[in-house]
C-alpha atoms as a PDB file:
ATOM      1  CA  MET A   1      92.153 119.385 117.917  1.00  0.00           C
ATOM      2  CA  LYS A   2      95.915 118.684 117.956  1.00  0.00           C
ATOM      3  CA  LYS A   3      95.219 115.017 118.750  1.00  0.00           C
ATOM      4  CA  ILE A   4      92.978 114.666 115.780  1.00  0.00           C
ATOM      5  CA  LEU A   5      95.548 116.283 113.530  1.00  0.00           C
ATOM      6  CA  TYR A   6      98.292 114.084 114.891  1.00  0.00           C
ATOM      7  CA  PHE A   7      96.174 111.002 114.372  1.00  0.00           C
ATOM      8  CA  VAL A   8      95.335 111.888 110.732  1.00  0.00           C
ATOM      9  CA  LEU A   9      98.995 112.660 110.065  1.00  0.00           C
ATOM     10  CA  PHE A  10      99.957 109.304 111.599  1.00  0.00           C
ATOM     11  CA  LEU A  11      97.499 107.395 109.388  1.00  0.00           C
ATOM     12  CA  ILE A  12      98.850 109.167 106.253  1.00  0.00           C
ATOM     13  CA  THR A  13     102.510 108.386 107.036  1.00  0.00           C
ATOM     14  CA  LEU A  14     101.619 104.824 108.008  1.00  0.00           C
ATOM     15  CA  THR A  15     100.373 104.094 104.537  1.00  0.00           C
ATOM     16  CA  ALA A  16     103.207 106.032 102.882  1.00  0.00           C
ATOM     17  CA  PHE A  17     105.878 103.961 104.619  1.00  0.00           C
ATOM     18  CA  SER A  18     104.159 100.560 104.522  1.00  0.00           C
ATOM     19  CA  GLN A  19     105.831  97.737 102.481  1.00  0.00           C
ATOM     20  CA  GLN A  20     104.310  96.304  99.464  1.00  0.00           C
ATOM     21  CA  LYS A  21     105.014  92.865  98.007  1.00  0.00           C
ATOM     22  CA  ALA A  22     106.135  92.638  94.466  1.00  0.00           C
ATOM     23  CA  ILE A  23     107.656  90.232  91.947  1.00  0.00           C
ATOM     24  CA  GLU A  24     111.240  91.122  91.318  1.00  0.00           C
ATOM     25  CA  ILE A  25     112.798  89.819  88.083  1.00  0.00           C
ATOM     26  CA  THR A  26     116.531  90.037  87.613  1.00  0.00           C
ATOM     27  CA  ASN A  27     118.365  89.690  84.313  1.00  0.00           C
ATOM     28  CA  ARG A  28     121.002  86.961  84.559  1.00  0.00           C
ATOM     29  CA  ASN A  29     123.422  88.643  82.131  1.00  0.00           C
ATOM     30  CA  ASN A  30     123.530  92.306  83.287  1.00  0.00           C
ATOM     31  CA  GLY A  31     121.799  92.294  86.708  1.00  0.00           C
ATOM     32  CA  LYS A  32     119.003  94.699  85.599  1.00  0.00           C
ATOM     33  CA  THR A  33     115.914  94.430  87.873  1.00  0.00           C
ATOM     34  CA  ARG A  34     112.247  95.056  87.208  1.00  0.00           C
ATOM     35  CA  PHE A  35     109.324  94.955  89.520  1.00  0.00           C
ATOM     36  CA  PHE A  36     105.729  93.956  89.018  1.00  0.00           C
ATOM     37  CA  LYS A  37     103.476  95.397  91.770  1.00  0.00           C
ATOM     38  CA  GLU A  38     100.437  93.632  93.074  1.00  0.00           C
ATOM     39  CA  ASN A  39      97.176  94.143  91.178  1.00  0.00           C
ATOM     40  CA  GLN A  40      98.890  94.815  87.805  1.00  0.00           C
ATOM     41  CA  ARG A  41      97.517  92.984  84.814  1.00  0.00           C
ATOM     42  CA  LEU A  42      99.971  90.277  83.856  1.00  0.00           C
ATOM     43  CA  LYS A  43     100.313  87.499  81.224  1.00  0.00           C
ATOM     44  CA  ILE A  44     102.041  84.440  82.748  1.00  0.00           C
ATOM     45  CA  ARG A  45     102.930  81.231  81.022  1.00  0.00           C
ATOM     46  CA  THR A  46     103.784  78.324  83.313  1.00  0.00           C
ATOM     47  CA  LEU A  47     106.210  75.474  82.678  1.00  0.00           C
ATOM     48  CA  ASP A  48     103.196  73.181  81.742  1.00  0.00           C
ATOM     49  CA  GLU A  49     102.431  75.608  78.882  1.00  0.00           C
ATOM     50  CA  LYS A  50      99.215  77.064  80.405  1.00  0.00           C
ATOM     51  CA  LYS A  51      98.592  80.789  79.898  1.00  0.00           C
ATOM     52  CA  HIS A  52      97.121  82.964  82.668  1.00  0.00           C
ATOM     53  CA  ILE A  53      96.052  86.559  82.053  1.00  0.00           C
ATOM     54  CA  GLY A  54      94.666  88.929  84.680  1.00  0.00           C
ATOM     55  CA  ARG A  55      95.268  90.934  87.776  1.00  0.00           C
ATOM     56  CA  TRP A  56      97.410  89.083  90.301  1.00  0.00           C
ATOM     57  CA  HIS A  57      97.570  88.877  94.085  1.00  0.00           C
ATOM     58  CA  PHE A  58      99.641  87.100  96.697  1.00  0.00           C
ATOM     59  CA  SER A  59      98.547  83.834  98.222  1.00  0.00           C
ATOM     60  CA  ASP A  60     101.680  83.125 100.331  1.00  0.00           C
ATOM     61  CA  LYS A  61     105.446  83.704 100.053  1.00  0.00           C
ATOM     62  CA  GLN A  62     105.884  81.389  97.034  1.00  0.00           C
ATOM     63  CA  THR A  63     102.494  81.451  95.433  1.00  0.00           C
ATOM     64  CA  ILE A  64     100.554  84.148  93.412  1.00  0.00           C
ATOM     65  CA  LEU A  65      96.901  84.150  92.360  1.00  0.00           C
ATOM     66  CA  ILE A  66      95.535  85.129  88.998  1.00  0.00           C
ATOM     67  CA  GLY A  67      91.803  84.846  89.094  1.00  0.00           C
ATOM     68  CA  ASN A  68      91.227  81.644  91.005  1.00  0.00           C
ATOM     69  CA  GLN A  69      94.394  79.971  89.716  1.00  0.00           C
ATOM     70  CA  SER A  70      97.343  79.642  92.072  1.00  0.00           C
ATOM     71  CA  ILE A  71     100.786  79.691  90.506  1.00  0.00           C
ATOM     72  CA  LYS A  72     104.060  78.805  92.252  1.00  0.00           C
ATOM     73  CA  ILE A  73     106.828  81.272  91.494  1.00  0.00           C
ATOM     74  CA  ASP A  74     109.110  78.370  90.576  1.00  0.00           C
ATOM     75  CA  SER A  75     106.655  77.224  87.825  1.00  0.00           C
ATOM     76  CA  ILE A  76     106.742  80.452  85.853  1.00  0.00           C
ATOM     77  CA  GLN A  77     108.252  80.165  82.372  1.00  0.00           C
ATOM     78  CA  SER A  78     107.628  83.729  81.160  1.00  0.00           C
ATOM     79  CA  ILE A  79     105.969  86.879  82.545  1.00  0.00           C
ATOM     80  CA  LYS A  80     104.798  90.011  80.734  1.00  0.00           C
ATOM     81  CA  ARG A  81     102.736  93.058  81.554  1.00  0.00           C
ATOM     82  CA  GLN A  82      99.472  92.940  79.621  1.00  0.00           C
ATOM     83  CA  SER A  83      97.487  96.206  79.622  1.00  0.00           C
ATOM     84  CA  ALA A  84      93.825  95.846  78.904  1.00  0.00           C
ATOM     85  CA  PHE A  85      93.815  98.811  76.458  1.00  0.00           C
ATOM     86  CA  LEU A  86      96.711  97.449  74.358  1.00  0.00           C
ATOM     87  CA  GLY A  87      95.119  93.983  74.230  1.00  0.00           C
ATOM     88  CA  THR A  88      91.908  95.432  73.026  1.00  0.00           C
ATOM     89  CA  VAL A  89      93.508  97.626  70.375  1.00  0.00           C
ATOM     90  CA  LYS A  90      95.624  94.718  69.174  1.00  0.00           C
ATOM     91  CA  THR A  91      92.548  92.454  68.757  1.00  0.00           C
ATOM     92  CA  VAL A  92      90.592  95.187  66.853  1.00  0.00           C
ATOM     93  CA  VAL A  93      93.540  95.871  64.489  1.00  0.00           C
ATOM     94  CA  LEU A  94      93.976  92.091  63.852  1.00  0.00           C
ATOM     95  CA  ILE A  95      90.244  91.602  63.109  1.00  0.00           C
ATOM     96  CA  ALA A  96      90.219  94.684  60.810  1.00  0.00           C
ATOM     97  CA  GLY A  97      93.271  93.352  58.924  1.00  0.00           C
ATOM     98  CA  LEU A  98      91.805  89.867  58.503  1.00  0.00           C
ATOM     99  CA  ALA A  99      88.503  91.381  57.293  1.00  0.00           C
ATOM    100  CA  THR A 100      90.353  93.479  54.718  1.00  0.00           C
ATOM    101  CA  VAL A 101      92.263  90.406  53.454  1.00  0.00           C
ATOM    102  CA  SER A 102      88.965  88.499  53.265  1.00  0.00           C
ATOM    103  CA  THR A 103      87.373  91.383  51.350  1.00  0.00           C
ATOM    104  CA  SER A 104      90.344  91.290  48.878  1.00  0.00           C
ATOM    105  CA  LEU A 105      89.765  87.603  48.242  1.00  0.00           C
ATOM    106  CA  VAL A 106      86.058  88.243  47.473  1.00  0.00           C
ATOM    107  CA  ALA A 107      87.041  91.139  45.215  1.00  0.00           C
ATOM    108  CA  ALA A 108      89.644  88.959  43.412  1.00  0.00           C
ATOM    109  CA  LYS A 109      86.983  86.299  42.832  1.00  0.00           C
ATOM    110  CA  ASN A 110      84.666  88.908  41.267  1.00  0.00           C
ATOM    111  CA  GLY A 111      87.460  90.190  39.020  1.00  0.00           C
ATOM    112  CA  ASP A 112      87.884  93.596  40.747  1.00  0.00           C
ATOM    113  CA  ASN A 113      91.166  95.449  39.978  1.00  0.00           C
ATOM    114  CA  ASN A 114      91.461  96.759  43.517  1.00  0.00           C
ATOM    115  CA  ALA A 115      91.846  93.236  45.021  1.00  0.00           C
ATOM    116  CA  PHE A 116      95.663  93.448  45.172  1.00  0.00           C
ATOM    117  CA  LEU A 117      95.582  96.868  46.960  1.00  0.00           C
ATOM    118  CA  LEU A 118      93.022  95.498  49.466  1.00  0.00           C
ATOM    119  CA  PHE A 119      95.218  92.460  50.090  1.00  0.00           C
ATOM    120  CA  VAL A 120      98.339  94.565  50.719  1.00  0.00           C
ATOM    121  CA  ALA A 121      96.475  96.893  53.028  1.00  0.00           C
ATOM    122  CA  GLY A 122      94.921  94.012  54.986  1.00  0.00           C
ATOM    123  CA  GLY A 123      98.241  92.191  55.154  1.00  0.00           C
ATOM    124  CA  GLY A 124     100.024  95.255  56.464  1.00  0.00           C
ATOM    125  CA  THR A 125      97.351  95.847  59.114  1.00  0.00           C
ATOM    126  CA  THR A 126      97.533  92.197  60.219  1.00  0.00           C
ATOM    127  CA  ILE A 127     101.325  92.452  60.509  1.00  0.00           C
ATOM    128  CA  GLY A 128     100.889  95.686  62.443  1.00  0.00           C
ATOM    129  CA  ALA A 129      98.778  93.823  65.009  1.00  0.00           C
ATOM    130  CA  GLY A 130     101.619  91.206  65.361  1.00  0.00           C
ATOM    131  CA  LEU A 131     104.131  93.985  65.870  1.00  0.00           C
ATOM    132  CA  MET A 132     101.985  95.435  68.689  1.00  0.00           C
ATOM    133  CA  GLU A 133     102.574  92.161  70.513  1.00  0.00           C
ATOM    134  CA  SER A 134     106.270  92.803  70.521  1.00  0.00           C
ATOM    135  CA  ILE A 135     105.965  96.236  72.077  1.00  0.00           C
ATOM    136  CA  ASN A 136     105.914  94.834  75.566  1.00  0.00           C
ATOM    137  CA  THR A 137     108.494  92.109  75.607  1.00  0.00           C
ATOM    138  CA  ASN A 138     108.197  88.647  77.243  1.00  0.00           C
ATOM    139  CA  ARG A 139     110.573  87.967  80.083  1.00  0.00           C
ATOM    140  CA  SER A 140     111.518  84.234  80.060  1.00  0.00           C
ATOM    141  CA  ASN A 141     113.040  82.237  82.864  1.00  0.00           C
ATOM    142  CA  ARG A 142     115.987  81.493  80.532  1.00  0.00           C
ATOM    143  CA  LYS A 143     117.301  85.106  80.895  1.00  0.00           C
ATOM    144  CA  TRP A 144     115.466  86.278  84.057  1.00  0.00           C
ATOM    145  CA  THR A 145     115.111  85.014  87.622  1.00  0.00           C
ATOM    146  CA  PHE A 146     111.845  85.506  89.440  1.00  0.00           C
ATOM    147  CA  LYS A 147     111.296  85.995  93.240  1.00  0.00           C
ATOM    148  CA  ILE A 148     108.783  87.621  95.539  1.00  0.00           C
ATOM    149  CA  VAL A 149     110.146  90.549  97.600  1.00  0.00           C
ATOM    150  CA  ASP A 150     108.884  93.250 100.008  1.00  0.00           C
ATOM    151  CA  LYS A 151     109.310  96.549  98.443  1.00  0.00           C
END
């Protein structure tokens, strides 16, 4: 019985002390570091202006995978966490704002007095969707350095 207990305890501690790979980004001005652990949902823009969104994994020491696309760590222009929930909410708010603006245009064409109020409400909602994008900032290679580390 003791051997089984020791074996289970060994397996638990083995996973607790194992190293995980992560992307470490360091601010060039103040030295602040951030980590992106494997399997997080990221939005990466590369130097050739291609955008990749999804959960990421390691391919080798200098390459990560998003979906089936391999990306060299040297070719990353900007990186940002992109939660699925926030992306969905942002899209719904943007569509609702644009639909309200469209409704205000139809109301103005028909001579309705509430067209201006609909336009202001729809414009505010659309701007709100744009502000949601700035909640989670983009980390560009102009201010940050990227490297793969064992954490």
